[in-house]
């Protein structure tokens, strides 16, 4: 079985593509398991913030390392991962 854990700021956007066609059939047959994790569950402060402004200004936001580190530490308590792949908007 192939298992994927996907950490996302908006995991609801991934529910639809994962629940149709080939990916859904693979999950139904037990070939594929996909777990979606909401990064906001590990956010900082009352608002569960996961991003912050860039140092020195400029357009856009940066991911806060604290939220991602807490999330990865939590997930690694339950399972060992062969690889962790970080995707960027580039």
Protein backbone atom coordinates (compact mmCIF):
# COMPACT_ATOMS: atom_id res chain seq x y z
CA UNK A 1 0.00 0.00 0.00
CA UNK A 2 1.16 3.51 -0.82
CA UNK A 3 0.52 6.07 1.90
CA UNK A 4 0.67 9.83 1.47
CA UNK A 5 0.22 12.51 4.10
CA UNK A 6 -0.40 15.94 2.63
CA UNK A 7 -0.05 19.04 4.79
CA UNK A 8 -2.01 21.97 3.41
CA UNK A 9 -3.24 25.38 4.52
CA UNK A 10 -6.50 24.59 2.70
CA UNK A 11 -6.94 20.79 2.64
CA UNK A 12 -10.56 21.13 1.52
CA UNK A 13 -9.28 22.08 -1.94
CA UNK A 14 -7.68 18.65 -2.27
CA UNK A 15 -10.69 16.58 -1.22
CA UNK A 16 -12.40 16.75 -4.60
CA UNK A 17 -9.45 15.74 -6.82
CA UNK A 18 -8.63 12.86 -4.45
CA UNK A 19 -12.17 11.50 -4.41
CA UNK A 20 -12.65 10.88 -8.13
CA UNK A 21 -11.36 8.74 -10.95
CA UNK A 22 -8.15 6.72 -10.61
CA UNK A 23 -7.23 8.03 -7.17
CA UNK A 24 -10.62 7.11 -5.72
CA UNK A 25 -10.51 3.62 -7.24
CA UNK A 26 -7.03 3.05 -5.80
CA UNK A 27 -8.26 4.11 -2.36
CA UNK A 28 -11.32 1.86 -2.63
CA UNK A 29 -9.10 -1.13 -3.50
CA UNK A 30 -6.73 -0.41 -0.60
CA UNK A 31 -3.80 0.38 -2.88
CA UNK A 32 -3.57 4.04 -1.84
CA UNK A 33 -4.13 5.88 1.43
CA UNK A 34 -4.13 9.67 1.49
CA UNK A 35 -4.31 11.63 4.74
CA UNK A 36 -4.95 15.37 4.61
CA UNK A 37 -3.64 17.49 7.47
CA UNK A 38 -4.74 21.07 8.09
CA UNK A 39 -1.66 23.17 8.89
CA UNK A 40 -3.85 25.68 10.74
CA UNK A 41 -4.36 23.04 13.45
CA UNK A 42 -0.71 23.68 14.40
CA UNK A 43 -0.75 27.45 13.93
CA UNK A 44 0.51 30.07 16.33
CA UNK A 45 -1.68 32.15 18.61
CA UNK A 46 -5.40 32.56 19.00
CA UNK A 47 -5.96 32.76 15.23
CA UNK A 48 -3.78 29.68 14.46
CA UNK A 49 -1.61 31.85 12.22
CA UNK A 50 0.68 30.02 9.79
CA UNK A 51 2.14 32.91 7.78
CA UNK A 52 3.71 36.28 8.45
CA UNK A 53 4.94 39.33 6.58
CA UNK A 54 8.37 39.34 4.98
CA UNK A 55 11.23 40.98 6.81
CA UNK A 56 11.97 44.28 5.12
CA UNK A 57 8.53 44.53 3.54
CA UNK A 58 7.62 43.58 0.02
CA UNK A 59 4.68 41.76 -1.47
CA UNK A 60 3.49 38.37 -0.29
CA UNK A 61 3.66 36.35 2.89
CA UNK A 62 6.09 33.80 4.30
CA UNK A 63 5.28 30.49 5.96
CA UNK A 64 6.03 30.48 9.68
CA UNK A 65 8.47 27.66 10.50
CA UNK A 66 6.93 27.14 13.95
CA UNK A 67 3.63 25.81 12.58
CA UNK A 68 5.30 23.48 10.10
CA UNK A 69 7.76 22.17 12.71
CA UNK A 70 4.96 21.45 15.19
CA UNK A 71 2.98 19.65 12.50
CA UNK A 72 5.91 17.49 11.36
CA UNK A 73 6.86 16.63 14.95
CA UNK A 74 3.28 15.58 15.67
CA UNK A 75 3.05 13.42 12.54
CA UNK A 76 6.43 11.76 13.16
CA UNK A 77 5.23 10.56 16.57
CA UNK A 78 2.73 8.26 14.84
CA UNK A 79 4.71 7.10 11.81
CA UNK A 80 8.13 7.15 10.22
CA UNK A 81 8.27 8.81 6.82
CA UNK A 82 10.60 7.60 4.08
CA UNK A 83 10.68 11.04 2.50
CA UNK A 84 9.39 14.52 3.18
CA UNK A 85 8.88 16.61 0.06
CA UNK A 86 8.46 20.36 0.35
CA UNK A 87 6.63 22.05 -2.52
CA UNK A 88 6.96 25.74 -3.30
CA UNK A 89 4.80 28.12 -5.34
CA UNK A 90 7.71 28.47 -7.78
